[in-house]
Amino acid sequence: MLGDADLEAWAGGLDGLFARVAGRFFRAEPRRRARAYVRGLLAPLAGKNGWTLAEVAGDATPDGMQRLLNAASWDADGVRDDVRGYVVEHLGEPGGVLIVDETGFLKKGVKSAGVQRQYSGTFGRIENCQLGVFLAYATSKGRTLIDRELYLPKTWIGDRDRCREAAVPDEIGFSTQAVLGEEMLGRALDAGVPASWVAADEAYGQNRKFRIWCERRRVGYVVAVPPSQTIPSQTIPAGAGSSRAGSSRADSAAAAAPDQAWKRLSCAEGAKGPRLFDWAVASVSVGEHTPPGWGRWLLVRRQILSPDQLDAGKQPELAYYLCAGPPGTSDDELIHVAGTRWAIEECFQTAKSEVGLDQYQVRRYDAWYRHITLAMLAHTYLSVTAAIAPKALAAASSGAPSARSAVSWHT
């Protein structure tokens, strides 16, 4: 149970965070309103919309909260930058991992900026939704969201009248989700966020330009790719004492891995303990954009099956990753980064369930950014508080444990 001293420290932490962002609000009224908005997001409410947030703030109507998102004068990108600095101060450490992913927001109608029927991995199907691309930062101290971009499909960008109705600036053009990810990664690296790695799922990993971008920025990556991903010119094991040269699919390369290449390791701590898989790592050819001395690798994760599953003929599921990193990168480090990618899924889950990331009721492009930024501020406050609170120290110390590609398998 929390004591008075704990509660005072938590309240003081929120005061300190708001003091950091106060200068981004150009008048006292929106500054006070934003503080009340965040307090509402942190409150244990069943729903977090304009009406419920207004009620917590003591307002008779949601007009003030709606004005904060739609019309008040304040700098949402500046707040984002200040929150990122707060994250670095409290959670930053060398070797941090920047994680790119998108999440879907279900919406009714056709007027909310970027909304349309489109595939969302969040729901596993086509839905009428908006897609937000996010950047998370993860270290042994904690993880949280530090940047966001709203994806605007080509159908939106091609209809400027529709864009103007949703307050999309005329200068905003079409950007793929991978390009939006690059923009956010660039902002984080330019701001000095201490990170050595980028992690991402197949939507980004199979994008060659995205991988080249990371290599040009000299940041290592462990990115998921599909089984059909072409592995660069290489030497692929074809059985004892023989090999063949050329390109190969990721799944074909993995099928040729010798038994001694597989190692059983945990990539992270899960709710039920270590996340154990069998892993194999192979060196692959470097590219013209790979920094001097760096390596490239194919990393393969294999599901562990029970004896009963094996007896029943079940085949283990495999996942594939293309990786690049500096000299001295170990297999364990690559495996650790692969496991760290799940941190952004945890951020989405907690941000939606705890601080109402997905419970906004706005249509305007700028209003989306404002709500999402304040929800990220609230989520970051919870993440930092958990990292520094005495009762969280034991849990923090048991964070994700740490984890090399012609193919030459590591044994």
Protein backbone atom coordinates (compact mmCIF):
# COMPACT_ATOMS: atom_id res chain seq x y z
CA MET A 1 0.00 0.00 0.00
CA LEU A 2 1.32 3.46 -0.89
CA GLY A 3 2.14 5.81 1.97
CA ASP A 4 1.73 9.58 2.14
CA ALA A 5 5.38 10.09 1.17
CA ASP A 6 4.92 7.95 -1.94
CA LEU A 7 1.80 9.87 -2.97
CA GLU A 8 3.54 13.21 -2.43
CA ALA A 9 6.49 12.06 -4.55
CA TRP A 10 4.17 10.94 -7.36
CA ALA A 11 2.30 14.24 -7.33
CA GLY A 12 5.59 16.11 -7.26
CA GLY A 13 6.77 14.14 -10.28
CA LEU A 14 3.74 15.26 -12.29
CA ASP A 15 4.35 18.86 -11.17
CA GLY A 16 7.95 18.59 -12.35
CA LEU A 17 6.95 17.19 -15.73
CA PHE A 18 4.38 19.95 -16.27
CA ALA A 19 6.92 22.60 -15.29
CA ARG A 20 9.09 21.22 -18.11
CA VAL A 21 6.36 21.65 -20.75
CA ALA A 22 4.68 24.80 -19.38
CA GLY A 23 6.45 27.11 -21.84
CA ARG A 24 4.80 25.32 -24.78
CA PHE A 25 1.42 26.80 -23.75
CA PHE A 26 1.26 30.50 -24.62
CA ARG A 27 -1.53 31.44 -22.23
CA ALA A 28 -2.44 30.40 -18.71
CA GLU A 29 -5.88 29.01 -19.63
CA PRO A 30 -4.72 26.27 -22.05
CA ARG A 31 -1.84 25.46 -19.70
CA ARG A 32 -4.25 24.84 -16.82
CA ARG A 33 -6.61 23.00 -19.14
CA ALA A 34 -3.85 20.69 -20.38
CA ARG A 35 -2.87 19.84 -16.82
CA ALA A 36 -6.49 18.99 -16.02
CA TYR A 37 -6.73 16.96 -19.24
CA VAL A 38 -3.69 14.88 -18.27
CA ARG A 39 -4.96 14.41 -14.72
CA GLY A 40 -8.18 13.10 -16.24
CA LEU A 41 -6.25 10.71 -18.48
CA LEU A 42 -4.49 9.40 -15.38
CA ALA A 43 -7.72 9.05 -13.41
CA PRO A 44 -9.40 5.61 -13.02
CA LEU A 45 -12.27 6.35 -15.40
CA ALA A 46 -14.19 3.76 -17.40
CA GLY A 47 -14.09 6.06 -20.43
CA LYS A 48 -11.87 9.04 -21.13
CA ASN A 49 -13.64 11.43 -23.49
CA GLY A 50 -14.45 15.12 -23.44
CA TRP A 51 -17.38 14.71 -21.07
CA THR A 52 -15.67 12.49 -18.50
CA LEU A 53 -12.45 14.54 -18.53
CA ALA A 54 -14.49 17.72 -18.08
CA GLU A 55 -16.34 16.17 -15.14
CA VAL A 56 -13.08 15.27 -13.39
CA ALA A 57 -11.90 18.85 -13.96
CA GLY A 58 -15.09 20.22 -12.45
CA ASP A 59 -16.46 21.64 -15.71
CA ALA A 60 -20.16 21.57 -16.55
CA THR A 61 -19.55 20.95 -20.28
CA PRO A 62 -16.72 19.53 -22.43
CA ASP A 63 -16.30 22.82 -24.31
CA GLY A 64 -13.02 23.71 -22.61
CA MET A 65 -11.44 20.31 -23.30
CA GLN A 66 -12.58 20.43 -26.91
CA ARG A 67 -11.17 23.94 -27.28
CA LEU A 68 -7.82 22.71 -25.92
CA LEU A 69 -7.59 20.15 -28.72
CA ASN A 70 -9.20 22.09 -31.58
CA ALA A 71 -8.49 25.79 -31.18
CA ALA A 72 -6.19 26.77 -28.29
CA SER A 73 -2.72 28.11 -29.04
CA TRP A 74 0.01 25.70 -27.93
CA ASP A 75 2.90 23.74 -29.43
CA ALA A 76 2.21 20.00 -29.45
CA ASP A 77 5.53 19.18 -31.15
CA GLY A 78 7.34 21.19 -28.49
CA VAL A 79 5.58 19.19 -25.77
CA ARG A 80 6.65 16.01 -27.57
CA ASP A 81 10.28 17.19 -27.57
CA ASP A 82 10.15 18.09 -23.87
CA VAL A 83 8.64 14.72 -22.99
CA ARG A 84 11.38 12.98 -24.99
CA GLY A 85 13.99 14.88 -22.98
CA TYR A 86 12.26 13.79 -19.78
CA VAL A 87 12.41 10.17 -20.97
CA VAL A 88 16.13 10.41 -21.73
CA GLU A 89 16.81 11.97 -18.34
CA HIS A 90 15.07 9.20 -16.41
CA LEU A 91 15.15 6.11 -18.66
CA GLY A 92 18.02 6.79 -21.04
CA GLU A 93 21.10 4.60 -21.16
CA PRO A 94 23.65 3.60 -23.85
CA GLY A 95 22.44 0.75 -26.00
CA GLY A 96 18.78 1.80 -25.88
CA VAL A 97 16.42 0.42 -28.51
CA LEU A 98 14.17 2.59 -30.70
CA ILE A 99 11.11 0.65 -31.87
CA VAL A 100 8.86 1.61 -34.79
CA ASP A 101 5.35 0.25 -35.21
CA GLU A 102 1.82 1.36 -36.00
CA THR A 103 -1.45 0.85 -34.20
CA GLY A 104 -5.04 1.21 -35.36
CA PHE A 105 -7.81 3.42 -33.97
CA LEU A 106 -11.36 2.33 -34.83
CA LYS A 107 -13.50 5.22 -36.12
CA LYS A 108 -17.01 5.76 -37.44
CA GLY A 109 -17.70 7.90 -40.47
CA VAL A 110 -15.35 9.30 -43.09
CA LYS A 111 -14.39 12.77 -41.83
CA SER A 112 -11.69 12.07 -39.23
CA ALA A 113 -8.26 12.84 -40.70
CA GLY A 114 -6.78 9.76 -42.38
CA VAL A 115 -9.75 7.49 -41.69
CA GLN A 116 -10.73 4.89 -44.28
CA ARG A 117 -11.26 1.17 -44.60
CA GLN A 118 -7.75 -0.19 -44.43
CA TYR A 119 -5.83 -3.13 -43.01
CA SER A 120 -4.73 -2.78 -39.41
CA GLY A 121 -2.44 -5.28 -37.73
CA THR A 122 -3.99 -4.23 -34.43
CA PHE A 123 -7.27 -5.84 -35.44
CA GLY A 124 -5.87 -8.37 -37.91
CA ARG A 125 -8.35 -7.33 -40.61
CA ILE A 126 -9.62 -4.42 -42.71
CA GLU A 127 -11.50 -1.91 -40.58
CA ASN A 128 -12.69 1.68 -40.82
CA CYS A 129 -9.85 3.19 -38.83
CA GLN A 130 -6.98 5.61 -38.53
CA LEU A 131 -3.39 4.36 -38.38
CA GLY A 132 -0.87 6.02 -36.12
CA VAL A 133 2.84 5.29 -36.54
CA PHE A 134 4.73 5.46 -33.25
CA LEU A 135 8.26 5.40 -31.93
CA ALA A 136 8.99 3.79 -28.57
CA TYR A 137 12.19 3.88 -26.55
CA ALA A 138 13.21 0.90 -24.40
CA THR A 139 16.07 0.33 -21.97
CA SER A 140 16.59 -1.84 -18.91
CA LYS A 141 15.03 1.00 -16.90
CA GLY A 142 11.70 1.12 -18.71
CA ARG A 143 9.90 1.78 -21.99
CA THR A 144 7.50 4.40 -23.31
CA LEU A 145 6.27 6.13 -26.48
CA ILE A 146 8.32 9.16 -27.56
CA ASP A 147 6.96 10.18 -30.99
CA ARG A 148 3.93 9.83 -33.24
CA GLU A 149 2.75 10.45 -36.79
CA LEU A 150 -0.70 10.06 -38.34
CA TYR A 151 -0.66 8.02 -41.56
CA LEU A 152 -2.61 9.69 -44.38
CA PRO A 153 -3.49 7.27 -47.22
CA LYS A 154 -3.06 8.32 -50.85
CA THR A 155 -6.83 8.68 -51.21
CA TRP A 156 -6.72 11.41 -48.61
CA ILE A 157 -3.71 13.23 -50.00
CA GLY A 158 -5.31 13.17 -53.45
CA ASP A 159 -8.40 14.99 -52.17
CA ARG A 160 -7.19 18.39 -50.94
CA ASP A 161 -10.71 19.65 -50.19
CA ARG A 162 -11.24 16.73 -47.87
CA CYS A 163 -7.85 17.39 -46.29
CA ARG A 164 -8.66 21.04 -45.66
CA GLU A 165 -11.96 20.11 -44.05
CA ALA A 166 -9.99 17.95 -41.60
CA ALA A 167 -7.39 20.74 -41.10
CA VAL A 168 -4.61 18.82 -42.86
CA PRO A 169 -2.03 21.45 -43.90
CA ASP A 170 -1.63 21.90 -47.66
CA GLU A 171 2.11 21.17 -47.44
CA ILE A 172 1.52 17.64 -46.07
CA GLY A 173 2.12 15.10 -48.81
CA PHE A 174 1.96 11.33 -48.93
CA SER A 175 4.47 9.40 -46.84
CA THR A 176 4.62 5.66 -46.39
CA GLN A 177 4.62 4.27 -42.89
CA ALA A 178 8.32 3.42 -43.31
CA VAL A 179 9.14 7.03 -44.23
CA LEU A 180 7.17 8.27 -41.22
CA GLY A 181 9.24 5.87 -39.13
CA GLU A 182 12.46 7.27 -40.59
CA GLU A 183 11.35 10.80 -39.77
CA MET A 184 10.71 9.93 -36.14
CA LEU A 185 13.96 7.98 -35.83
CA GLY A 186 15.82 10.93 -37.32
CA ARG A 187 14.32 13.31 -34.78
CA ALA A 188 15.29 11.03 -31.91
CA LEU A 189 18.86 10.51 -33.12
CA ASP A 190 19.32 14.21 -33.91
CA ALA A 191 18.13 15.03 -30.40
CA GLY A 192 20.80 12.79 -28.92
CA VAL A 193 18.59 9.99 -27.61
CA PRO A 194 21.11 7.35 -26.46
CA ALA A 195 20.19 4.45 -28.72
CA SER A 196 22.27 1.82 -30.50
CA TRP A 197 19.49 -0.22 -32.09
CA VAL A 198 16.29 -0.01 -34.12
CA ALA A 199 13.69 -2.77 -34.00
CA ALA A 200 10.63 -3.11 -36.24
CA ASP A 201 8.22 -5.68 -37.66
CA GLU A 202 7.93 -6.99 -41.23
CA ALA A 203 6.18 -3.89 -42.56
CA TYR A 204 9.43 -1.99 -42.05
CA GLY A 205 11.99 -4.81 -42.12
CA GLN A 206 11.22 -5.91 -45.67
CA ASN A 207 11.62 -2.30 -46.85
CA ARG A 208 15.18 -2.11 -48.22
CA LYS A 209 15.20 1.69 -48.12
CA PHE A 210 14.37 1.60 -44.42
CA ARG A 211 17.30 -0.73 -43.70
CA ILE A 212 19.65 1.39 -45.79
CA TRP A 213 18.48 4.49 -43.94
CA CYS A 214 19.47 2.88 -40.62
CA GLU A 215 22.89 1.90 -41.97
CA ARG A 216 23.53 5.42 -43.25
CA ARG A 217 22.65 6.77 -39.81
CA ARG A 218 25.01 4.18 -38.27
CA VAL A 219 22.36 2.73 -35.99
CA GLY A 220 22.12 -1.04 -35.72
CA TYR A 221 18.87 -2.81 -36.53
CA VAL A 222 17.06 -6.08 -35.92
CA VAL A 223 13.98 -6.07 -38.15
CA ALA A 224 11.51 -8.84 -38.89
CA VAL A 225 11.21 -10.05 -42.49
CA PRO A 226 8.88 -12.57 -44.20
CA PRO A 227 10.00 -16.15 -44.99
CA SER A 228 10.25 -15.15 -48.68
CA GLN A 229 12.78 -12.39 -47.94
CA THR A 230 15.79 -12.61 -50.26
CA ILE A 231 19.05 -12.95 -48.36
CA PRO A 232 22.01 -11.17 -50.04
CA SER A 233 24.72 -13.01 -51.97
CA GLN A 234 26.08 -15.59 -49.58
CA THR A 235 27.33 -19.10 -48.93
CA ILE A 236 24.50 -21.31 -47.72
CA PRO A 237 25.19 -24.53 -45.80
CA ALA A 238 23.92 -27.46 -47.87
CA GLY A 239 24.93 -30.31 -45.61
CA ALA A 240 28.10 -31.53 -43.96
CA GLY A 241 31.22 -30.53 -45.85
CA SER A 242 29.49 -28.74 -48.71
CA SER A 243 27.99 -25.33 -49.57
CA ARG A 244 26.58 -23.45 -52.51
CA ALA A 245 26.85 -19.78 -53.43
CA GLY A 246 24.18 -17.31 -54.42
CA SER A 247 21.04 -15.70 -53.05
CA SER A 248 18.38 -17.51 -51.06
CA ARG A 249 15.08 -17.00 -49.33
CA ALA A 250 15.18 -16.63 -45.57
CA ASP A 251 13.22 -19.86 -45.03
CA SER A 252 15.49 -21.83 -47.40
CA ALA A 253 18.55 -20.56 -45.56
CA ALA A 254 17.06 -21.52 -42.21
CA ALA A 255 16.19 -25.02 -43.44
CA ALA A 256 19.89 -25.54 -44.25
CA ALA A 257 21.10 -24.55 -40.77
CA PRO A 258 22.94 -27.43 -39.05
CA ASP A 259 21.69 -28.71 -35.71
CA GLN A 260 24.63 -27.20 -33.84
CA ALA A 261 23.66 -23.71 -35.05
CA TRP A 262 20.55 -23.64 -32.85
CA LYS A 263 20.77 -22.28 -29.30
CA ARG A 264 17.99 -22.21 -26.72
CA LEU A 265 17.87 -18.74 -25.18
CA SER A 266 15.43 -16.26 -23.65
CA CYS A 267 14.93 -13.02 -25.53
CA ALA A 268 12.95 -11.28 -22.79
CA GLU A 269 10.96 -11.76 -19.61
CA GLY A 270 7.29 -12.46 -20.21
CA ALA A 271 4.31 -12.59 -17.89
CA LYS A 272 4.96 -16.32 -17.35
CA GLY A 273 8.75 -16.09 -17.13
CA PRO A 274 11.57 -16.14 -19.71
CA ARG A 275 10.50 -16.16 -23.35
CA LEU A 276 12.47 -19.18 -24.53
CA PHE A 277 13.01 -20.01 -28.19
CA ASP A 278 15.61 -21.80 -30.28
CA TRP A 279 17.74 -19.29 -32.21
CA ALA A 280 20.20 -19.50 -35.11
CA VAL A 281 22.38 -16.70 -36.42
CA ALA A 282 24.24 -16.57 -39.73
CA SER A 283 26.54 -13.95 -41.22
CA VAL A 284 25.44 -12.52 -44.59
CA SER A 285 27.10 -10.22 -47.08
CA VAL A 286 27.38 -6.54 -46.26
CA GLY A 287 26.10 -3.87 -48.65
CA GLU A 288 27.53 -0.72 -50.14
CA HIS A 289 25.81 1.36 -47.47
CA THR A 290 26.96 -0.78 -44.53
CA PRO A 291 29.42 1.18 -42.35
CA PRO A 292 33.03 -0.05 -42.49
CA GLY A 293 33.64 -2.90 -40.10
CA TRP A 294 29.94 -3.55 -39.50
CA GLY A 295 28.33 -6.93 -40.01
CA ARG A 296 25.00 -8.13 -41.37
CA TRP A 297 23.18 -11.19 -40.12
CA LEU A 298 20.17 -13.40 -40.60
CA LEU A 299 18.57 -14.25 -37.25
CA VAL A 300 16.01 -17.07 -37.04
CA ARG A 301 13.69 -17.79 -34.12
CA ARG A 302 12.15 -21.26 -33.79
CA GLN A 303 9.22 -22.16 -31.56
CA ILE A 304 9.83 -24.78 -28.89
CA LEU A 305 7.31 -27.63 -29.08
CA SER A 306 6.38 -30.13 -26.42
CA PRO A 307 7.02 -33.87 -27.00
CA ASP A 308 3.27 -34.38 -27.50
CA GLN A 309 3.17 -31.69 -30.20
CA LEU A 310 6.16 -33.24 -31.95
CA ASP A 311 4.62 -36.71 -31.76
CA ALA A 312 1.45 -35.29 -33.32
CA GLY A 313 3.48 -33.99 -36.29
CA LYS A 314 3.18 -30.27 -35.49
CA GLN A 315 5.83 -28.12 -37.15
CA PRO A 316 7.46 -25.31 -35.13
CA GLU A 317 6.75 -21.76 -36.22
CA LEU A 318 9.77 -19.77 -37.38
CA ALA A 319 10.38 -16.01 -37.46
CA TYR A 320 13.10 -14.29 -39.45
CA TYR A 321 15.10 -11.10 -38.90
CA LEU A 322 17.65 -9.17 -40.93
CA CYS A 323 20.21 -7.46 -38.73
CA ALA A 324 23.16 -5.08 -39.00
CA GLY A 325 25.46 -3.82 -36.27
CA PRO A 326 28.92 -2.65 -35.29
CA PRO A 327 32.02 -4.80 -34.70
CA GLY A 328 31.75 -6.94 -31.60
CA THR A 329 28.00 -7.46 -31.86
CA SER A 330 27.18 -10.78 -30.22
CA ASP A 331 24.45 -13.29 -30.97
CA ASP A 332 22.99 -12.63 -27.52
CA GLU A 333 22.72 -8.91 -28.26
CA LEU A 334 20.81 -9.50 -31.50
CA ILE A 335 18.45 -11.87 -29.70
CA HIS A 336 17.89 -9.33 -26.94
CA VAL A 337 17.00 -6.59 -29.45
CA ALA A 338 14.62 -8.95 -31.26
CA GLY A 339 12.84 -9.56 -27.96
CA THR A 340 12.76 -5.88 -27.09
CA ARG A 341 10.49 -5.15 -30.09
CA TRP A 342 7.57 -6.47 -28.05
CA ALA A 343 7.99 -3.46 -25.73
CA ILE A 344 6.05 -1.22 -28.12
CA GLU A 345 3.09 -3.63 -28.07
CA GLU A 346 3.10 -3.36 -24.29
CA CYS A 347 3.22 0.43 -24.61
CA PHE A 348 0.18 0.41 -26.92
CA GLN A 349 -1.73 -1.83 -24.54
CA THR A 350 -1.01 0.22 -21.43
CA ALA A 351 -1.42 3.58 -23.17
CA LYS A 352 -4.87 2.55 -24.44
CA SER A 353 -6.04 0.93 -21.25
CA GLU A 354 -4.49 3.30 -18.71
CA VAL A 355 -4.38 6.78 -20.31
CA GLY A 356 -6.97 6.70 -23.09
CA LEU A 357 -4.63 6.83 -26.08
CA ASP A 358 -7.45 5.59 -28.33
CA GLN A 359 -10.41 7.28 -26.62
CA TYR A 360 -10.33 10.64 -28.38
CA GLN A 361 -13.30 12.23 -30.14
CA VAL A 362 -11.71 14.57 -32.66
CA ARG A 363 -11.72 14.85 -36.44
CA ARG A 364 -9.05 17.48 -37.06
CA TYR A 365 -5.50 16.51 -38.02
CA ASP A 366 -3.95 18.85 -35.45
CA ALA A 367 -6.38 17.77 -32.73
CA TRP A 368 -5.30 14.14 -33.22
CA TYR A 369 -1.69 15.15 -32.56
CA ARG A 370 -2.70 17.13 -29.49
CA HIS A 371 -4.64 14.35 -27.82
CA ILE A 372 -2.01 11.73 -28.68
CA THR A 373 0.78 13.96 -27.35
CA LEU A 374 -0.96 14.54 -24.02
CA ALA A 375 -1.73 10.82 -23.73
CA MET A 376 1.95 10.09 -24.41
CA LEU A 377 2.89 12.57 -21.68
CA ALA A 378 0.61 10.76 -19.25
CA HIS A 379 2.00 7.35 -20.29
CA THR A 380 5.56 8.58 -19.92
CA TYR A 381 4.78 9.90 -16.46
CA LEU A 382 3.53 6.45 -15.44
CA SER A 383 6.57 4.73 -17.00
CA VAL A 384 9.08 7.00 -15.29
CA THR A 385 7.23 6.81 -11.98
CA ALA A 386 7.29 3.01 -12.13
CA ALA A 387 11.02 3.11 -12.89
CA ILE A 388 11.95 5.34 -9.96
CA ALA A 389 9.37 4.35 -7.33
CA PRO A 390 10.92 2.20 -4.57
CA LYS A 391 8.33 -0.56 -5.04
CA ALA A 392 9.22 -0.76 -8.75
CA LEU A 393 12.96 -1.22 -8.26
CA ALA A 394 12.77 -5.00 -7.91
CA ALA A 395 10.59 -5.35 -11.02
CA ALA A 396 12.82 -2.96 -12.99
CA SER A 397 15.93 -4.95 -12.08
CA SER A 398 14.38 -8.07 -13.61
CA GLY A 399 13.79 -6.38 -16.99
CA ALA A 400 14.42 -7.97 -20.38
CA PRO A 401 17.71 -9.95 -20.43
CA SER A 402 20.20 -9.33 -23.13
CA ALA A 403 20.67 -11.64 -26.45
CA ARG A 404 25.69 -12.88 -35.72
CA SER A 405 25.11 -13.38 -42.07
CA ALA A 406 27.03 -15.64 -48.28
CA VAL A 407 25.22 -17.85 -44.85
CA SER A 408 27.79 -18.96 -42.24
CA TRP A 409 25.90 -20.24 -39.22
CA HIS A 410 27.28 -19.45 -35.78
CA THR A 411 27.88 -22.50 -33.61
